Amino acid sequence: VEAEMMLADVLGRDAVLAGIAYISAHIVAPGVIEHVG
């Protein structure tokens, strides 16, 4: 819950939107991503 303010400190608050990714995905080999579920 702190990333947005960390970005705003560098980029300015007006340049930042908050976001959430709902996904389970990982790198399983170089260049390969596996999405679970």
PDB file of all heavy atoms in Angstrom:
ATOM      1  N   VAL A   1       0.822  -1.214   0.000  1.00  0.00           N
ATOM      2  CA  VAL A   1       0.000   0.000   0.000  1.00  0.00           C
ATOM      3  C   VAL A   1       0.860   1.270   0.000  1.00  0.00           C
ATOM      4  O   VAL A   1       0.371   2.356   0.301  1.00  0.00           O
ATOM      5  CB  VAL A   1      -0.955   0.022   1.218  1.00  0.00           C
ATOM      6  CG1 VAL A   1      -2.031  -1.029   1.073  1.00  0.00           C
ATOM      7  CG2 VAL A   1      -0.189  -0.159   2.531  1.00  0.00           C
ATOM      8  N   GLU A   2       2.133   1.137  -0.366  1.00  0.00           N
ATOM      9  CA  GLU A   2       3.049   2.275  -0.281  1.00  0.00           C
ATOM     10  C   GLU A   2       3.697   2.648  -1.607  1.00  0.00           C
ATOM     11  O   GLU A   2       4.350   3.687  -1.713  1.00  0.00           O
ATOM     12  CB  GLU A   2       4.149   1.977   0.754  1.00  0.00           C
ATOM     13  CG  GLU A   2       3.589   1.726   2.153  1.00  0.00           C
ATOM     14  CD  GLU A   2       4.612   1.130   3.098  1.00  0.00           C
ATOM     15  OE1 GLU A   2       5.041  -0.017   2.863  1.00  0.00           O
ATOM     16  OE2 GLU A   2       4.991   1.817   4.075  1.00  0.00           O
ATOM     17  N   ALA A   3       3.549   1.828  -2.637  1.00  0.00           N
ATOM     18  CA  ALA A   3       4.263   2.050  -3.897  1.00  0.00           C
ATOM     19  C   ALA A   3       3.852   3.359  -4.561  1.00  0.00           C
ATOM     20  O   ALA A   3       4.700   4.061  -5.146  1.00  0.00           O
ATOM     21  CB  ALA A   3       4.020   0.884  -4.851  1.00  0.00           C
ATOM     22  N   GLU A   4       2.566   3.683  -4.510  1.00  0.00           N
ATOM     23  CA  GLU A   4       2.086   4.887  -5.200  1.00  0.00           C
ATOM     24  C   GLU A   4       2.767   6.150  -4.687  1.00  0.00           C
ATOM     25  O   GLU A   4       3.159   7.031  -5.465  1.00  0.00           O
ATOM     26  CB  GLU A   4       0.566   5.011  -5.053  1.00  0.00           C
ATOM     27  CG  GLU A   4      -0.230   4.052  -5.904  1.00  0.00           C
ATOM     28  CD  GLU A   4      -0.206   2.623  -5.397  1.00  0.00           C
ATOM     29  OE1 GLU A   4       0.161   2.405  -4.218  1.00  0.00           O
ATOM     30  OE2 GLU A   4      -0.548   1.706  -6.166  1.00  0.00           O
ATOM     31  N   MET A   5       2.935   6.251  -3.372  1.00  0.00           N
ATOM     32  CA  MET A   5       3.584   7.434  -2.819  1.00  0.00           C
ATOM     33  C   MET A   5       5.080   7.447  -3.126  1.00  0.00           C
ATOM     34  O   MET A   5       5.682   8.511  -3.302  1.00  0.00           O
ATOM     35  CB  MET A   5       3.349   7.498  -1.309  1.00  0.00           C
ATOM     36  CG  MET A   5       1.897   7.810  -0.926  1.00  0.00           C
ATOM     37  SD  MET A   5       1.290   9.374  -1.632  1.00  0.00           S
ATOM     38  CE  MET A   5       0.332   8.781  -3.040  1.00  0.00           C
ATOM     39  N   MET A   6       5.686   6.271  -3.219  1.00  0.00           N
ATOM     40  CA  MET A   6       7.088   6.198  -3.607  1.00  0.00           C
ATOM     41  C   MET A   6       7.272   6.709  -5.034  1.00  0.00           C
ATOM     42  O   MET A   6       8.221   7.440  -5.336  1.00  0.00           O
ATOM     43  CB  MET A   6       7.587   4.763  -3.469  1.00  0.00           C
ATOM     44  CG  MET A   6       7.594   4.252  -2.036  1.00  0.00           C
ATOM     45  SD  MET A   6       7.836   2.454  -1.924  1.00  0.00           S
ATOM     46  CE  MET A   6       9.525   2.286  -2.470  1.00  0.00           C
ATOM     47  N   LEU A   7       6.361   6.349  -5.929  1.00  0.00           N
ATOM     48  CA  LEU A   7       6.410   6.839  -7.308  1.00  0.00           C
ATOM     49  C   LEU A   7       6.119   8.334  -7.362  1.00  0.00           C
ATOM     50  O   LEU A   7       6.783   9.077  -8.100  1.00  0.00           O
ATOM     51  CB  LEU A   7       5.404   6.076  -8.166  1.00  0.00           C
ATOM     52  CG  LEU A   7       5.701   4.603  -8.419  1.00  0.00           C
ATOM     53  CD1 LEU A   7       4.512   3.928  -9.096  1.00  0.00           C
ATOM     54  CD2 LEU A   7       6.959   4.437  -9.276  1.00  0.00           C
ATOM     55  N   ALA A   8       5.128   8.772  -6.583  1.00  0.00           N
ATOM     56  CA  ALA A   8       4.746  10.189  -6.595  1.00  0.00           C
ATOM     57  C   ALA A   8       5.882  11.085  -6.120  1.00  0.00           C
ATOM     58  O   ALA A   8       6.022  12.222  -6.574  1.00  0.00           O
ATOM     59  CB  ALA A   8       3.507  10.400  -5.735  1.00  0.00           C
ATOM     60  N   ASP A   9       6.718  10.579  -5.208  1.00  0.00           N
ATOM     61  CA  ASP A   9       7.848  11.366  -4.718  1.00  0.00           C
ATOM     62  C   ASP A   9       8.824  11.706  -5.843  1.00  0.00           C
ATOM     63  O   ASP A   9       9.504  12.732  -5.795  1.00  0.00           O
ATOM     64  CB  ASP A   9       8.590  10.593  -3.621  1.00  0.00           C
ATOM     65  CG  ASP A   9       7.832  10.580  -2.297  1.00  0.00           C
ATOM     66  OD1 ASP A   9       6.913  11.403  -2.137  1.00  0.00           O
ATOM     67  OD2 ASP A   9       8.157   9.736  -1.445  1.00  0.00           O
ATOM     68  N   VAL A  10       8.894  10.854  -6.862  1.00  0.00           N
ATOM     69  CA  VAL A  10       9.822  11.071  -7.978  1.00  0.00           C
ATOM     70  C   VAL A  10       9.124  11.720  -9.174  1.00  0.00           C
ATOM     71  O   VAL A  10       9.648  12.655  -9.783  1.00  0.00           O
ATOM     72  CB  VAL A  10      10.462   9.735  -8.415  1.00  0.00           C
ATOM     73  CG1 VAL A  10      11.388   9.951  -9.615  1.00  0.00           C
ATOM     74  CG2 VAL A  10      11.224   9.104  -7.264  1.00  0.00           C
ATOM     75  N   LEU A  11       7.922  11.233  -9.494  1.00  0.00           N
ATOM     76  CA  LEU A  11       7.242  11.644 -10.724  1.00  0.00           C
ATOM     77  C   LEU A  11       6.248  12.778 -10.520  1.00  0.00           C
ATOM     78  O   LEU A  11       5.818  13.406 -11.485  1.00  0.00           O
ATOM     79  CB  LEU A  11       6.494  10.445 -11.322  1.00  0.00           C
ATOM     80  CG  LEU A  11       7.344   9.234 -11.692  1.00  0.00           C
ATOM     81  CD1 LEU A  11       6.457   8.073 -12.109  1.00  0.00           C
ATOM     82  CD2 LEU A  11       8.320   9.580 -12.790  1.00  0.00           C
ATOM     83  N   GLY A  12       5.874  13.033  -9.277  1.00  0.00           N
ATOM     84  CA  GLY A  12       4.811  13.985  -8.996  1.00  0.00           C
ATOM     85  C   GLY A  12       3.481  13.257  -8.878  1.00  0.00           C
ATOM     86  O   GLY A  12       3.210  12.319  -9.644  1.00  0.00           O
ATOM     87  N   ARG A  13       2.660  13.677  -7.965  1.00  0.00           N
ATOM     88  CA  ARG A  13       1.403  12.995  -7.683  1.00  0.00           C
ATOM     89  C   ARG A  13       0.475  12.959  -8.901  1.00  0.00           C
ATOM     90  O   ARG A  13      -0.229  11.978  -9.133  1.00  0.00           O
ATOM     91  CB  ARG A  13       0.714  13.690  -6.503  1.00  0.00           C
ATOM     92  CG  ARG A  13      -0.461  12.931  -5.912  1.00  0.00           C
ATOM     93  CD  ARG A  13      -1.043  13.688  -4.725  1.00  0.00           C
ATOM     94  NE  ARG A  13      -2.179  12.973  -4.169  1.00  0.00           N
ATOM     95  CZ  ARG A  13      -2.119  12.114  -3.166  1.00  0.00           C
ATOM     96  NH1 ARG A  13      -0.936  11.860  -2.606  1.00  0.00           N
ATOM     97  NH2 ARG A  13      -3.192  11.508  -2.713  1.00  0.00           N
ATOM     98  N   ASP A  14       0.486  14.006  -9.708  1.00  0.00           N
ATOM     99  CA  ASP A  14      -0.428  14.089 -10.850  1.00  0.00           C
ATOM    100  C   ASP A  14      -0.125  13.053 -11.924  1.00  0.00           C
ATOM    101  O   ASP A  14      -0.981  12.761 -12.763  1.00  0.00           O
ATOM    102  CB  ASP A  14      -0.384  15.489 -11.469  1.00  0.00           C
ATOM    103  CG  ASP A  14      -1.051  16.530 -10.595  1.00  0.00           C
ATOM    104  OD1 ASP A  14      -1.785  16.142  -9.663  1.00  0.00           O
ATOM    105  OD2 ASP A  14      -0.840  17.731 -10.844  1.00  0.00           O
ATOM    106  N   ALA A  15       1.080  12.505 -11.920  1.00  0.00           N
ATOM    107  CA  ALA A  15       1.456  11.548 -12.962  1.00  0.00           C
ATOM    108  C   ALA A  15       1.154  10.102 -12.577  1.00  0.00           C
ATOM    109  O   ALA A  15       1.371   9.193 -13.383  1.00  0.00           O
ATOM    110  CB  ALA A  15       2.941  11.682 -13.269  1.00  0.00           C
ATOM    111  N   VAL A  16       0.641   9.886 -11.357  1.00  0.00           N
ATOM    112  CA  VAL A  16       0.521   8.521 -10.841  1.00  0.00           C
ATOM    113  C   VAL A  16      -0.938   8.116 -10.658  1.00  0.00           C
ATOM    114  O   VAL A  16      -1.740   8.855 -10.092  1.00  0.00           O
ATOM    115  CB  VAL A  16       1.261   8.388  -9.487  1.00  0.00           C
ATOM    116  CG1 VAL A  16       1.110   6.972  -8.929  1.00  0.00           C
ATOM    117  CG2 VAL A  16       2.741   8.737  -9.653  1.00  0.00           C
ATOM    118  N   LEU A  17      -1.267   6.927 -11.157  1.00  0.00           N
ATOM    119  CA  LEU A  17      -2.530   6.254 -10.850  1.00  0.00           C
ATOM    120  C   LEU A  17      -2.224   5.036  -9.992  1.00  0.00           C
ATOM    121  O   LEU A  17      -1.140   4.451 -10.093  1.00  0.00           O
ATOM    122  CB  LEU A  17      -3.251   5.796 -12.122  1.00  0.00           C
ATOM    123  CG  LEU A  17      -3.670   6.862 -13.135  1.00  0.00           C
ATOM    124  CD1 LEU A  17      -4.378   6.193 -14.315  1.00  0.00           C
ATOM    125  CD2 LEU A  17      -4.571   7.903 -12.500  1.00  0.00           C
ATOM    126  N   ALA A  18      -3.176   4.655  -9.161  1.00  0.00           N
ATOM    127  CA  ALA A  18      -3.033   3.445  -8.346  1.00  0.00           C
ATOM    128  C   ALA A  18      -3.544   2.254  -9.137  1.00  0.00           C
ATOM    129  O   ALA A  18      -4.505   2.368  -9.905  1.00  0.00           O
ATOM    130  CB  ALA A  18      -3.824   3.595  -7.050  1.00  0.00           C
ATOM    131  N   GLY A  19      -2.908   1.103  -8.945  1.00  0.00           N
ATOM    132  CA  GLY A  19      -3.342  -0.084  -9.659  1.00  0.00           C
ATOM    133  C   GLY A  19      -3.158  -1.348  -8.849  1.00  0.00           C
ATOM    134  O   GLY A  19      -2.331  -1.409  -7.924  1.00  0.00           O
ATOM    135  N   ILE A  20      -3.921  -2.366  -9.204  1.00  0.00           N
ATOM    136  CA  ILE A  20      -3.839  -3.668  -8.556  1.00  0.00           C
ATOM    137  C   ILE A  20      -3.904  -4.739  -9.633  1.00  0.00           C
ATOM    138  O   ILE A  20      -4.769  -4.690 -10.510  1.00  0.00           O
ATOM    139  CB  ILE A  20      -5.007  -3.895  -7.574  1.00  0.00           C
ATOM    140  CG1 ILE A  20      -5.058  -2.795  -6.509  1.00  0.00           C
ATOM    141  CG2 ILE A  20      -4.901  -5.262  -6.911  1.00  0.00           C
ATOM    142  CD1 ILE A  20      -6.326  -2.819  -5.677  1.00  0.00           C
ATOM    143  N   ALA A  21      -2.992  -5.695  -9.556  1.00  0.00           N
ATOM    144  CA  ALA A  21      -3.016  -6.840 -10.463  1.00  0.00           C
ATOM    145  C   ALA A  21      -3.510  -8.059  -9.702  1.00  0.00           C
ATOM    146  O   ALA A  21      -2.918  -8.446  -8.692  1.00  0.00           O
ATOM    147  CB  ALA A  21      -1.620  -7.093 -11.025  1.00  0.00           C
ATOM    148  N   TYR A  22      -4.595  -8.640 -10.182  1.00  0.00           N
ATOM    149  CA  TYR A  22      -5.109  -9.882  -9.607  1.00  0.00           C
ATOM    150  C   TYR A  22      -4.723 -11.017 -10.552  1.00  0.00           C
ATOM    151  O   TYR A  22      -5.379 -11.276 -11.554  1.00  0.00           O
ATOM    152  CB  TYR A  22      -6.625  -9.824  -9.462  1.00  0.00           C
ATOM    153  CG  TYR A  22      -7.114  -8.810  -8.451  1.00  0.00           C
ATOM    154  CD1 TYR A  22      -7.612  -7.568  -8.855  1.00  0.00           C
ATOM    155  CD2 TYR A  22      -7.073  -9.077  -7.087  1.00  0.00           C
ATOM    156  CE1 TYR A  22      -8.062  -6.638  -7.929  1.00  0.00           C
ATOM    157  CE2 TYR A  22      -7.517  -8.146  -6.151  1.00  0.00           C
ATOM    158  CZ  TYR A  22      -8.009  -6.936  -6.583  1.00  0.00           C
ATOM    159  OH  TYR A  22      -8.448  -6.018  -5.667  1.00  0.00           O
ATOM    160  N   ILE A  23      -3.628 -11.675 -10.237  1.00  0.00           N
ATOM    161  CA  ILE A  23      -3.123 -12.743 -11.104  1.00  0.00           C
ATOM    162  C   ILE A  23      -2.070 -13.534 -10.338  1.00  0.00           C
ATOM    163  O   ILE A  23      -1.402 -13.000  -9.449  1.00  0.00           O
ATOM    164  CB  ILE A  23      -2.496 -12.157 -12.396  1.00  0.00           C
ATOM    165  CG1 ILE A  23      -2.218 -13.255 -13.413  1.00  0.00           C
ATOM    166  CG2 ILE A  23      -1.245 -11.358 -12.091  1.00  0.00           C
ATOM    167  CD1 ILE A  23      -1.792 -12.726 -14.777  1.00  0.00           C
ATOM    168  N   SER A  24      -1.947 -14.805 -10.677  1.00  0.00           N
ATOM    169  CA  SER A  24      -0.831 -15.609 -10.199  1.00  0.00           C
ATOM    170  C   SER A  24      -0.047 -16.048 -11.427  1.00  0.00           C
ATOM    171  O   SER A  24      -0.487 -16.913 -12.195  1.00  0.00           O
ATOM    172  CB  SER A  24      -1.330 -16.831  -9.417  1.00  0.00           C
ATOM    173  OG  SER A  24      -0.244 -17.627  -8.984  1.00  0.00           O
ATOM    174  N   ALA A  25       1.097 -15.416 -11.641  1.00  0.00           N
ATOM    175  CA  ALA A  25       1.918 -15.700 -12.812  1.00  0.00           C
ATOM    176  C   ALA A  25       3.380 -15.513 -12.439  1.00  0.00           C
ATOM    177  O   ALA A  25       3.724 -14.599 -11.689  1.00  0.00           O
ATOM    178  CB  ALA A  25       1.544 -14.778 -13.972  1.00  0.00           C
ATOM    179  N   HIS A  26       4.238 -16.382 -12.963  1.00  0.00           N
ATOM    180  CA  HIS A  26       5.653 -16.357 -12.601  1.00  0.00           C
ATOM    181  C   HIS A  26       6.510 -16.717 -13.809  1.00  0.00           C
ATOM    182  O   HIS A  26       6.058 -17.406 -14.727  1.00  0.00           O
ATOM    183  CB  HIS A  26       5.949 -17.367 -11.476  1.00  0.00           C
ATOM    184  CG  HIS A  26       5.009 -17.312 -10.332  1.00  0.00           C
ATOM    185  ND1 HIS A  26       5.021 -16.293  -9.402  1.00  0.00           N
ATOM    186  CD2 HIS A  26       3.991 -18.139  -9.963  1.00  0.00           C
ATOM    187  CE1 HIS A  26       4.066 -16.503  -8.512  1.00  0.00           C
ATOM    188  NE2 HIS A  26       3.433 -17.617  -8.832  1.00  0.00           N
ATOM    189  N   ILE A  27       7.752 -16.264 -13.787  1.00  0.00           N
ATOM    190  CA  ILE A  27       8.738 -16.714 -14.771  1.00  0.00           C
ATOM    191  C   ILE A  27       9.126 -18.142 -14.406  1.00  0.00           C
ATOM    192  O   ILE A  27       9.592 -18.400 -13.286  1.00  0.00           O
ATOM    193  CB  ILE A  27       9.983 -15.816 -14.771  1.00  0.00           C
ATOM    194  CG1 ILE A  27       9.625 -14.376 -15.168  1.00  0.00           C
ATOM    195  CG2 ILE A  27      11.042 -16.365 -15.718  1.00  0.00           C
ATOM    196  CD1 ILE A  27      10.769 -13.390 -14.997  1.00  0.00           C
ATOM    197  N   VAL A  28       8.939 -19.088 -15.324  1.00  0.00           N
ATOM    198  CA  VAL A  28       9.309 -20.481 -15.059  1.00  0.00           C
ATOM    199  C   VAL A  28      10.577 -20.875 -15.810  1.00  0.00           C
ATOM    200  O   VAL A  28      11.192 -21.900 -15.512  1.00  0.00           O
ATOM    201  CB  VAL A  28       8.153 -21.443 -15.414  1.00  0.00           C
ATOM    202  CG1 VAL A  28       6.988 -21.226 -14.466  1.00  0.00           C
ATOM    203  CG2 VAL A  28       7.710 -21.272 -16.863  1.00  0.00           C
ATOM    204  N   ALA A  29      10.970 -20.086 -16.769  1.00  0.00           N
ATOM    205  CA  ALA A  29      12.223 -20.248 -17.508  1.00  0.00           C
ATOM    206  C   ALA A  29      12.481 -18.925 -18.211  1.00  0.00           C
ATOM    207  O   ALA A  29      11.547 -18.138 -18.416  1.00  0.00           O
ATOM    208  CB  ALA A  29      12.117 -21.386 -18.528  1.00  0.00           C
ATOM    209  N   PRO A  30      13.727 -18.605 -18.557  1.00  0.00           N
ATOM    210  CA  PRO A  30      13.978 -17.344 -19.254  1.00  0.00           C
ATOM    211  C   PRO A  30      13.100 -17.202 -20.499  1.00  0.00           C
ATOM    212  O   PRO A  30      13.059 -18.084 -21.354  1.00  0.00           O
ATOM    213  CB  PRO A  30      15.465 -17.456 -19.637  1.00  0.00           C
ATOM    214  CG  PRO A  30      16.046 -18.328 -18.574  1.00  0.00           C
ATOM    215  CD  PRO A  30      14.985 -19.342 -18.283  1.00  0.00           C
ATOM    216  N   GLY A  31      12.338 -16.102 -20.531  1.00  0.00           N
ATOM    217  CA  GLY A  31      11.452 -15.850 -21.661  1.00  0.00           C
ATOM    218  C   GLY A  31      10.118 -16.555 -21.596  1.00  0.00           C
ATOM    219  O   GLY A  31       9.319 -16.437 -22.526  1.00  0.00           O
ATOM    220  N   VAL A  32       9.848 -17.261 -20.481  1.00  0.00           N
ATOM    221  CA  VAL A  32       8.605 -18.045 -20.365  1.00  0.00           C
ATOM    222  C   VAL A  32       7.877 -17.693 -19.071  1.00  0.00           C
ATOM    223  O   VAL A  32       8.457 -17.761 -17.980  1.00  0.00           O
ATOM    224  CB  VAL A  32       8.878 -19.557 -20.393  1.00  0.00           C
ATOM    225  CG1 VAL A  32       7.564 -20.336 -20.350  1.00  0.00           C
ATOM    226  CG2 VAL A  32       9.683 -19.942 -21.614  1.00  0.00           C
ATOM    227  N   ILE A  33       6.598 -17.330 -19.192  1.00  0.00           N
ATOM    228  CA  ILE A  33       5.759 -16.998 -18.039  1.00  0.00           C
ATOM    229  C   ILE A  33       4.599 -17.981 -17.975  1.00  0.00           C
ATOM    230  O   ILE A  33       3.970 -18.283 -18.995  1.00  0.00           O
ATOM    231  CB  ILE A  33       5.238 -15.555 -18.150  1.00  0.00           C
ATOM    232  CG1 ILE A  33       6.391 -14.572 -17.942  1.00  0.00           C
ATOM    233  CG2 ILE A  33       4.127 -15.275 -17.144  1.00  0.00           C
ATOM    234  CD1 ILE A  33       6.075 -13.160 -18.293  1.00  0.00           C
ATOM    235  N   GLU A  34       4.330 -18.468 -16.773  1.00  0.00           N
ATOM    236  CA  GLU A  34       3.211 -19.384 -16.568  1.00  0.00           C
ATOM    237  C   GLU A  34       2.148 -18.705 -15.722  1.00  0.00           C
ATOM    238  O   GLU A  34       2.437 -18.202 -14.633  1.00  0.00           O
ATOM    239  CB  GLU A  34       3.675 -20.668 -15.897  1.00  0.00           C
ATOM    240  CG  GLU A  34       2.578 -21.718 -15.779  1.00  0.00           C
ATOM    241  CD  GLU A  34       3.130 -23.065 -15.360  1.00  0.00           C
ATOM    242  OE1 GLU A  34       3.464 -23.204 -14.170  1.00  0.00           O
ATOM    243  OE2 GLU A  34       3.246 -23.954 -16.222  1.00  0.00           O
ATOM    244  N   HIS A  35       0.925 -18.691 -16.223  1.00  0.00           N
ATOM    245  CA  HIS A  35      -0.229 -18.105 -15.538  1.00  0.00           C
ATOM    246  C   HIS A  35      -1.031 -19.239 -14.922  1.00  0.00           C
ATOM    247  O   HIS A  35      -1.514 -20.122 -15.623  1.00  0.00           O
ATOM    248  CB  HIS A  35      -1.064 -17.315 -16.562  1.00  0.00           C
ATOM    249  CG  HIS A  35      -2.382 -16.840 -16.044  1.00  0.00           C
ATOM    250  ND1 HIS A  35      -3.497 -16.748 -16.854  1.00  0.00           N
ATOM    251  CD2 HIS A  35      -2.777 -16.433 -14.812  1.00  0.00           C
ATOM    252  CE1 HIS A  35      -4.512 -16.301 -16.148  1.00  0.00           C
ATOM    253  NE2 HIS A  35      -4.098 -16.109 -14.905  1.00  0.00           N
ATOM    254  N   VAL A  36      -1.190 -19.208 -13.590  1.00  0.00           N
ATOM    255  CA  VAL A  36      -1.900 -20.254 -12.853  1.00  0.00           C
ATOM    256  C   VAL A  36      -3.328 -19.807 -12.585  1.00  0.00           C
ATOM    257  O   VAL A  36      -3.563 -18.663 -12.178  1.00  0.00           O
ATOM    258  CB  VAL A  36      -1.184 -20.568 -11.525  1.00  0.00           C
ATOM    259  CG1 VAL A  36      -1.944 -21.627 -10.736  1.00  0.00           C
ATOM    260  CG2 VAL A  36       0.244 -21.033 -11.786  1.00  0.00           C
ATOM    261  N   GLY A  37      -4.296 -20.712 -12.788  1.00  0.00           N
ATOM    262  CA  GLY A  37      -5.692 -20.373 -12.543  1.00  0.00           C
ATOM    263  C   GLY A  37      -6.290 -19.603 -13.707  1.00  0.00           C
ATOM    264  O   GLY A  37      -5.705 -19.508 -14.789  1.00  0.00           O
TER     265      GLY A  37
END
